[in-house]
C-alpha atoms as a PDB file:
ATOM      1  CA  UNK A   1      27.767  -9.671 -13.018  1.00  0.00           C
ATOM      2  CA  UNK A   2      24.227  -8.835 -12.343  1.00  0.00           C
ATOM      3  CA  UNK A   3      22.101 -11.346 -10.560  1.00  0.00           C
ATOM      4  CA  UNK A   4      18.824 -12.233 -12.447  1.00  0.00           C
ATOM      5  CA  UNK A   5      15.575 -11.332 -11.828  1.00  0.00           C
ATOM      6  CA  UNK A   6      12.960 -14.107 -10.677  1.00  0.00           C
ATOM      7  CA  UNK A   7       9.060 -14.529 -11.085  1.00  0.00           C
ATOM      8  CA  UNK A   8       8.670 -14.363  -6.839  1.00  0.00           C
ATOM      9  CA  UNK A   9      10.441 -11.335  -7.080  1.00  0.00           C
ATOM     10  CA  UNK A  10       8.346  -9.676  -9.458  1.00  0.00           C
ATOM     11  CA  UNK A  11       5.223 -10.777  -7.986  1.00  0.00           C
ATOM     12  CA  UNK A  12       6.520  -9.306  -4.725  1.00  0.00           C
ATOM     13  CA  UNK A  13       7.227  -5.858  -5.898  1.00  0.00           C
ATOM     14  CA  UNK A  14       3.877  -3.871  -5.367  1.00  0.00           C
ATOM     15  CA  UNK A  15       5.883  -1.621  -7.839  1.00  0.00           C
ATOM     16  CA  UNK A  16       6.058  -4.130 -11.359  1.00  0.00           C
ATOM     17  CA  UNK A  17       2.692  -4.629 -12.886  1.00  0.00           C
ATOM     18  CA  UNK A  18       1.164  -7.629 -14.892  1.00  0.00           C
ATOM     19  CA  UNK A  19       2.266  -6.814 -17.670  1.00  0.00           C
ATOM     20  CA  UNK A  20       6.198  -6.746 -17.035  1.00  0.00           C
ATOM     21  CA  UNK A  21       5.359 -10.142 -15.033  1.00  0.00           C
ATOM     22  CA  UNK A  22       3.869 -11.503 -18.421  1.00  0.00           C
ATOM     23  CA  UNK A  23       6.603  -9.976 -20.692  1.00  0.00           C
ATOM     24  CA  UNK A  24       9.139 -11.804 -18.086  1.00  0.00           C
ATOM     25  CA  UNK A  25       7.221 -15.112 -18.090  1.00  0.00           C
ATOM     26  CA  UNK A  26       7.042 -14.848 -22.236  1.00  0.00           C
ATOM     27  CA  UNK A  27      10.478 -14.761 -22.524  1.00  0.00           C
ATOM     28  CA  UNK A  28      10.994 -18.093 -20.578  1.00  0.00           C
ATOM     29  CA  UNK A  29      11.408 -21.588 -22.255  1.00  0.00           C
ATOM     30  CA  UNK A  30       8.994 -23.989 -21.633  1.00  0.00           C
ATOM     31  CA  UNK A  31      10.453 -26.101 -18.574  1.00  0.00           C
ATOM     32  CA  UNK A  32      11.961 -23.010 -16.955  1.00  0.00           C
ATOM     33  CA  UNK A  33       8.487 -20.868 -16.958  1.00  0.00           C
ATOM     34  CA  UNK A  34       6.750 -23.814 -15.511  1.00  0.00           C
ATOM     35  CA  UNK A  35       9.612 -24.186 -13.068  1.00  0.00           C
ATOM     36  CA  UNK A  36       8.954 -20.433 -12.032  1.00  0.00           C
ATOM     37  CA  UNK A  37       5.372 -20.332 -12.070  1.00  0.00           C
ATOM     38  CA  UNK A  38       5.252 -23.739 -10.138  1.00  0.00           C
ATOM     39  CA  UNK A  39       7.115 -22.417  -7.218  1.00  0.00           C
ATOM     40  CA  UNK A  40       4.202 -19.547  -6.723  1.00  0.00           C
ATOM     41  CA  UNK A  41       2.527 -20.137  -2.658  1.00  0.00           C
ATOM     42  CA  UNK A  42      -0.303 -19.418  -1.360  1.00  0.00           C
ATOM     43  CA  UNK A  43       0.512 -15.628  -0.585  1.00  0.00           C
ATOM     44  CA  UNK A  44       2.174 -14.538  -4.249  1.00  0.00           C
ATOM     45  CA  UNK A  45      -0.818 -16.225  -5.895  1.00  0.00           C
ATOM     46  CA  UNK A  46      -3.238 -14.093  -4.296  1.00  0.00           C
ATOM     47  CA  UNK A  47      -1.450 -11.007  -5.569  1.00  0.00           C
ATOM     48  CA  UNK A  48      -0.548 -12.334  -9.163  1.00  0.00           C
ATOM     49  CA  UNK A  49      -4.519 -12.854  -9.097  1.00  0.00           C
ATOM     50  CA  UNK A  50      -4.892  -9.366  -7.879  1.00  0.00           C
ATOM     51  CA  UNK A  51      -2.396  -7.618 -10.859  1.00  0.00           C
ATOM     52  CA  UNK A  52      -4.111 -10.218 -12.991  1.00  0.00           C
ATOM     53  CA  UNK A  53      -7.192  -8.005 -12.894  1.00  0.00           C
ATOM     54  CA  UNK A  54      -5.638  -5.414 -14.822  1.00  0.00           C
ATOM     55  CA  UNK A  55      -4.537  -7.971 -17.697  1.00  0.00           C
ATOM     56  CA  UNK A  56      -6.436  -7.926 -20.865  1.00  0.00           C
ATOM     57  CA  UNK A  57      -9.129  -9.933 -20.595  1.00  0.00           C
ATOM     58  CA  UNK A  58      -8.584 -13.771 -21.091  1.00  0.00           C
ATOM     59  CA  UNK A  59     -10.463 -15.939 -23.340  1.00  0.00           C
ATOM     60  CA  UNK A  60     -11.237 -19.435 -24.702  1.00  0.00           C
ATOM     61  CA  UNK A  61      -7.987 -19.331 -27.006  1.00  0.00           C
ATOM     62  CA  UNK A  62      -5.955 -19.019 -24.676  1.00  0.00           C
ATOM     63  CA  UNK A  63      -6.421 -22.278 -23.084  1.00  0.00           C
ATOM     64  CA  UNK A  64      -6.329 -24.283 -26.671  1.00  0.00           C
ATOM     65  CA  UNK A  65      -5.075 -22.309 -29.038  1.00  0.00           C
ATOM     66  CA  UNK A  66      -5.441 -23.413 -32.816  1.00  0.00           C
ATOM     67  CA  UNK A  67      -5.962 -26.964 -31.236  1.00  0.00           C
ATOM     68  CA  UNK A  68      -8.675 -29.062 -33.379  1.00  0.00           C
ATOM     69  CA  UNK A  69     -12.160 -30.212 -32.070  1.00  0.00           C
ATOM     70  CA  UNK A  70     -11.537 -32.538 -29.016  1.00  0.00           C
ATOM     71  CA  UNK A  71      -7.860 -32.386 -29.454  1.00  0.00           C
ATOM     72  CA  UNK A  72      -6.574 -32.260 -25.576  1.00  0.00           C
ATOM     73  CA  UNK A  73      -4.197 -29.271 -24.594  1.00  0.00           C
ATOM     74  CA  UNK A  74      -2.724 -29.381 -20.919  1.00  0.00           C
ATOM     75  CA  UNK A  75      -2.004 -27.025 -18.727  1.00  0.00           C
ATOM     76  CA  UNK A  76       0.158 -27.670 -15.468  1.00  0.00           C
ATOM     77  CA  UNK A  77      -0.948 -26.087 -12.550  1.00  0.00           C
ATOM     78  CA  UNK A  78      -0.530 -25.797  -8.641  1.00  0.00           C
ATOM     79  CA  UNK A  79      -2.964 -24.597  -6.036  1.00  0.00           C
ATOM     80  CA  UNK A  80      -2.919 -23.384  -2.619  1.00  0.00           C
ATOM     81  CA  UNK A  81      -5.185 -26.137  -0.884  1.00  0.00           C
ATOM     82  CA  UNK A  82      -3.751 -26.647   2.298  1.00  0.00           C
ATOM     83  CA  UNK A  83      -2.967 -30.383   1.700  1.00  0.00           C
ATOM     84  CA  UNK A  84       0.361 -31.821   0.934  1.00  0.00           C
ATOM     85  CA  UNK A  85       2.775 -29.844  -1.362  1.00  0.00           C
ATOM     86  CA  UNK A  86       2.587 -33.358  -3.580  1.00  0.00           C
ATOM     87  CA  UNK A  87      -0.555 -32.599  -4.382  1.00  0.00           C
ATOM     88  CA  UNK A  88      -0.833 -29.130  -5.059  1.00  0.00           C
ATOM     89  CA  UNK A  89       0.444 -30.132  -7.922  1.00  0.00           C
ATOM     90  CA  UNK A  90      -2.260 -31.331 -10.783  1.00  0.00           C
ATOM     91  CA  UNK A  91      -3.219 -30.525 -14.781  1.00  0.00           C
ATOM     92  CA  UNK A  92      -6.257 -29.348 -16.171  1.00  0.00           C
ATOM     93  CA  UNK A  93      -7.064 -30.447 -19.500  1.00  0.00           C
ATOM     94  CA  UNK A  94      -8.722 -28.854 -21.901  1.00  0.00           C
ATOM     95  CA  UNK A  95     -10.618 -29.321 -25.798  1.00  0.00           C
ATOM     96  CA  UNK A  96     -12.800 -27.467 -27.796  1.00  0.00           C
ATOM     97  CA  UNK A  97     -16.442 -29.370 -28.230  1.00  0.00           C
ATOM     98  CA  UNK A  98     -18.242 -30.090 -31.503  1.00  0.00           C
ATOM     99  CA  UNK A  99     -19.896 -26.724 -30.932  1.00  0.00           C
ATOM    100  CA  UNK A 100     -20.531 -23.808 -29.001  1.00  0.00           C
ATOM    101  CA  UNK A 101     -18.511 -20.539 -27.514  1.00  0.00           C
ATOM    102  CA  UNK A 102     -17.098 -22.938 -24.351  1.00  0.00           C
ATOM    103  CA  UNK A 103     -14.605 -25.753 -23.913  1.00  0.00           C
ATOM    104  CA  UNK A 104     -14.449 -28.829 -22.050  1.00  0.00           C
ATOM    105  CA  UNK A 105     -12.089 -30.073 -19.561  1.00  0.00           C
ATOM    106  CA  UNK A 106     -10.936 -32.296 -16.386  1.00  0.00           C
ATOM    107  CA  UNK A 107      -8.664 -32.110 -13.544  1.00  0.00           C
ATOM    108  CA  UNK A 108      -5.924 -34.738 -14.253  1.00  0.00           C
ATOM    109  CA  UNK A 109      -3.470 -35.477 -10.702  1.00  0.00           C
ATOM    110  CA  UNK A 110      -2.434 -37.956  -7.913  1.00  0.00           C
ATOM    111  CA  UNK A 111      -6.035 -37.864  -6.617  1.00  0.00           C
ATOM    112  CA  UNK A 112      -8.063 -38.194  -9.834  1.00  0.00           C
ATOM    113  CA  UNK A 113      -8.321 -42.150  -9.198  1.00  0.00           C
ATOM    114  CA  UNK A 114     -10.105 -41.792  -5.843  1.00  0.00           C
ATOM    115  CA  UNK A 115     -11.495 -38.003  -5.785  1.00  0.00           C
ATOM    116  CA  UNK A 116     -12.972 -38.195  -9.322  1.00  0.00           C
ATOM    117  CA  UNK A 117     -12.053 -36.029 -12.383  1.00  0.00           C
ATOM    118  CA  UNK A 118     -13.901 -32.653 -11.620  1.00  0.00           C
ATOM    119  CA  UNK A 119     -15.283 -32.296 -15.324  1.00  0.00           C
ATOM    120  CA  UNK A 120     -16.085 -28.490 -15.895  1.00  0.00           C
ATOM    121  CA  UNK A 121     -17.146 -26.533 -18.758  1.00  0.00           C
ATOM    122  CA  UNK A 122     -15.457 -23.091 -19.058  1.00  0.00           C
ATOM    123  CA  UNK A 123     -17.085 -20.346 -20.551  1.00  0.00           C
ATOM    124  CA  UNK A 124     -16.905 -16.558 -21.124  1.00  0.00           C
ATOM    125  CA  UNK A 125     -18.495 -14.446 -18.036  1.00  0.00           C
ATOM    126  CA  UNK A 126     -18.966 -11.297 -20.397  1.00  0.00           C
ATOM    127  CA  UNK A 127     -22.737 -11.443 -20.014  1.00  0.00           C
ATOM    128  CA  UNK A 128     -22.646 -11.706 -16.380  1.00  0.00           C
ATOM    129  CA  UNK A 129     -21.138  -8.376 -14.512  1.00  0.00           C
ATOM    130  CA  UNK A 130     -20.904  -9.867 -11.741  1.00  0.00           C
ATOM    131  CA  UNK A 131     -18.823 -12.585 -12.911  1.00  0.00           C
ATOM    132  CA  UNK A 132     -16.595 -10.881 -15.083  1.00  0.00           C
ATOM    133  CA  UNK A 133     -15.264  -9.123 -12.239  1.00  0.00           C
ATOM    134  CA  UNK A 134     -13.380 -11.888 -11.106  1.00  0.00           C
ATOM    135  CA  UNK A 135     -12.313 -13.237 -14.735  1.00  0.00           C
ATOM    136  CA  UNK A 136     -13.518 -12.982 -17.939  1.00  0.00           C
ATOM    137  CA  UNK A 137     -13.622 -16.805 -18.242  1.00  0.00           C
ATOM    138  CA  UNK A 138     -14.785 -19.132 -15.781  1.00  0.00           C
ATOM    139  CA  UNK A 139     -14.465 -23.004 -15.010  1.00  0.00           C
ATOM    140  CA  UNK A 140     -18.131 -24.107 -13.889  1.00  0.00           C
ATOM    141  CA  UNK A 141     -18.367 -27.115 -12.203  1.00  0.00           C
ATOM    142  CA  UNK A 142     -21.861 -26.570 -11.935  1.00  0.00           C
ATOM    143  CA  UNK A 143     -22.320 -28.011 -16.039  1.00  0.00           C
ATOM    144  CA  UNK A 144     -20.705 -30.933 -17.042  1.00  0.00           C
ATOM    145  CA  UNK A 145     -19.818 -31.502 -20.170  1.00  0.00           C
ATOM    146  CA  UNK A 146     -23.308 -32.501 -22.649  1.00  0.00           C
ATOM    147  CA  UNK A 147     -21.157 -34.085 -25.714  1.00  0.00           C
ATOM    148  CA  UNK A 148     -18.198 -35.903 -26.986  1.00  0.00           C
ATOM    149  CA  UNK A 149     -14.901 -35.166 -25.053  1.00  0.00           C
ATOM    150  CA  UNK A 150     -11.471 -35.619 -26.123  1.00  0.00           C
ATOM    151  CA  UNK A 151      -9.977 -39.443 -26.608  1.00  0.00           C
ATOM    152  CA  UNK A 152      -8.806 -41.037 -23.620  1.00  0.00           C
ATOM    153  CA  UNK A 153     -10.413 -38.712 -21.186  1.00  0.00           C
ATOM    154  CA  UNK A 154     -12.202 -40.958 -18.111  1.00  0.00           C
ATOM    155  CA  UNK A 155     -15.699 -41.478 -18.108  1.00  0.00           C
ATOM    156  CA  UNK A 156     -17.869 -37.928 -17.398  1.00  0.00           C
ATOM    157  CA  UNK A 157     -19.882 -37.798 -14.196  1.00  0.00           C
ATOM    158  CA  UNK A 158     -21.579 -34.790 -12.488  1.00  0.00           C
ATOM    159  CA  UNK A 159     -19.643 -33.299  -9.524  1.00  0.00           C
ATOM    160  CA  UNK A 160     -22.235 -34.203  -6.999  1.00  0.00           C
ATOM    161  CA  UNK A 161     -20.443 -38.032  -7.578  1.00  0.00           C
ATOM    162  CA  UNK A 162     -18.971 -39.373  -4.640  1.00  0.00           C
ATOM    163  CA  UNK A 163     -16.134 -37.608  -3.098  1.00  0.00           C
ATOM    164  CA  UNK A 164     -16.228 -35.430  -5.846  1.00  0.00           C
ATOM    165  CA  UNK A 165     -18.785 -33.296  -4.106  1.00  0.00           C
ATOM    166  CA  UNK A 166     -16.771 -32.551  -1.378  1.00  0.00           C
ATOM    167  CA  UNK A 167     -14.241 -30.312  -3.842  1.00  0.00           C
ATOM    168  CA  UNK A 168     -15.928 -29.747  -6.988  1.00  0.00           C
ATOM    169  CA  UNK A 169     -19.873 -29.384  -6.180  1.00  0.00           C
ATOM    170  CA  UNK A 170     -20.931 -25.779  -6.539  1.00  0.00           C
ATOM    171  CA  UNK A 171     -17.374 -24.480  -7.178  1.00  0.00           C
ATOM    172  CA  UNK A 172     -16.824 -22.023  -9.678  1.00  0.00           C
ATOM    173  CA  UNK A 173     -12.726 -21.100 -10.591  1.00  0.00           C
ATOM    174  CA  UNK A 174     -12.582 -17.492 -12.185  1.00  0.00           C
ATOM    175  CA  UNK A 175      -9.099 -17.231 -14.555  1.00  0.00           C
ATOM    176  CA  UNK A 176      -6.983 -14.271 -15.583  1.00  0.00           C
ATOM    177  CA  UNK A 177      -4.892 -13.632 -17.888  1.00  0.00           C
ATOM    178  CA  UNK A 178      -1.036 -13.310 -16.701  1.00  0.00           C
ATOM    179  CA  UNK A 179       1.211 -14.035 -20.001  1.00  0.00           C
ATOM    180  CA  UNK A 180       0.727 -16.136 -23.260  1.00  0.00           C
ATOM    181  CA  UNK A 181       1.022 -19.660 -21.291  1.00  0.00           C
ATOM    182  CA  UNK A 182       0.186 -18.599 -18.037  1.00  0.00           C
ATOM    183  CA  UNK A 183      -3.294 -17.540 -15.967  1.00  0.00           C
ATOM    184  CA  UNK A 184      -4.340 -17.485 -12.474  1.00  0.00           C
ATOM    185  CA  UNK A 185      -7.362 -18.733 -11.453  1.00  0.00           C
ATOM    186  CA  UNK A 186      -9.282 -17.867  -7.805  1.00  0.00           C
ATOM    187  CA  UNK A 187     -12.143 -20.151  -6.798  1.00  0.00           C
ATOM    188  CA  UNK A 188     -15.697 -19.748  -5.287  1.00  0.00           C
ATOM    189  CA  UNK A 189     -17.852 -22.142  -3.681  1.00  0.00           C
ATOM    190  CA  UNK A 190     -21.962 -21.286  -3.459  1.00  0.00           C
ATOM    191  CA  UNK A 191     -20.485 -17.709  -4.991  1.00  0.00           C
ATOM    192  CA  UNK A 192     -18.594 -16.873  -2.369  1.00  0.00           C
ATOM    193  CA  UNK A 193     -14.791 -16.537  -2.642  1.00  0.00           C
ATOM    194  CA  UNK A 194     -12.561 -19.231  -0.965  1.00  0.00           C
ATOM    195  CA  UNK A 195      -9.385 -17.517  -0.862  1.00  0.00           C
ATOM    196  CA  UNK A 196      -7.660 -20.854  -2.649  1.00  0.00           C
ATOM    197  CA  UNK A 197      -5.939 -20.054  -6.147  1.00  0.00           C
ATOM    198  CA  UNK A 198      -4.045 -21.813  -8.574  1.00  0.00           C
ATOM    199  CA  UNK A 199      -1.907 -21.074 -11.340  1.00  0.00           C
ATOM    200  CA  UNK A 200      -2.138 -22.679 -14.796  1.00  0.00           C
ATOM    201  CA  UNK A 201       0.792 -22.997 -17.398  1.00  0.00           C
ATOM    202  CA  UNK A 202      -0.233 -24.086 -20.837  1.00  0.00           C
ATOM    203  CA  UNK A 203       2.294 -26.847 -22.472  1.00  0.00           C
ATOM    204  CA  UNK A 204       3.781 -25.843 -25.834  1.00  0.00           C
ATOM    205  CA  UNK A 205       2.933 -28.280 -28.410  1.00  0.00           C
END
């Protein structure tokens, strides 16, 4: 009986590129896909981010598909921050604004009520070569939504508000595509890489 390959094994294999990893993830059902993605630790996320440099450039549609304006699209995520494992799980929630080549979003998870929502604006990086080397889309916490967001989202606040300033202020996350549903991001603060990563898996509607 042939043993089934796992996502972790594909990431660990130096001869396996992101195209193979993406094809593997695309064949999985939603719950199984997230189960494997959510098991990736720090070293594997770092490796996956490096491999994803060779993937097709990610775009805004990856995060919201064909969703209508101000309709919430949820991505489950896990990060590599030095916190208890249960707190590493979170969601990034995105929506299309009324206009503009951008997305609005915030972070939902167990820390949101006491840290804050961590609002951001996601934009392409094509016009900034220094940024596009890190990823074709940036989740930019220097910006917060300046228009209406999805119904039911928390109040929009700047990222210097209360405890948010210790987590989100002066931060940008650069995103790379892994598969049709999965992306990986690297966090930068004051334009410097933090060597912290997170992987996202878009929920199927």
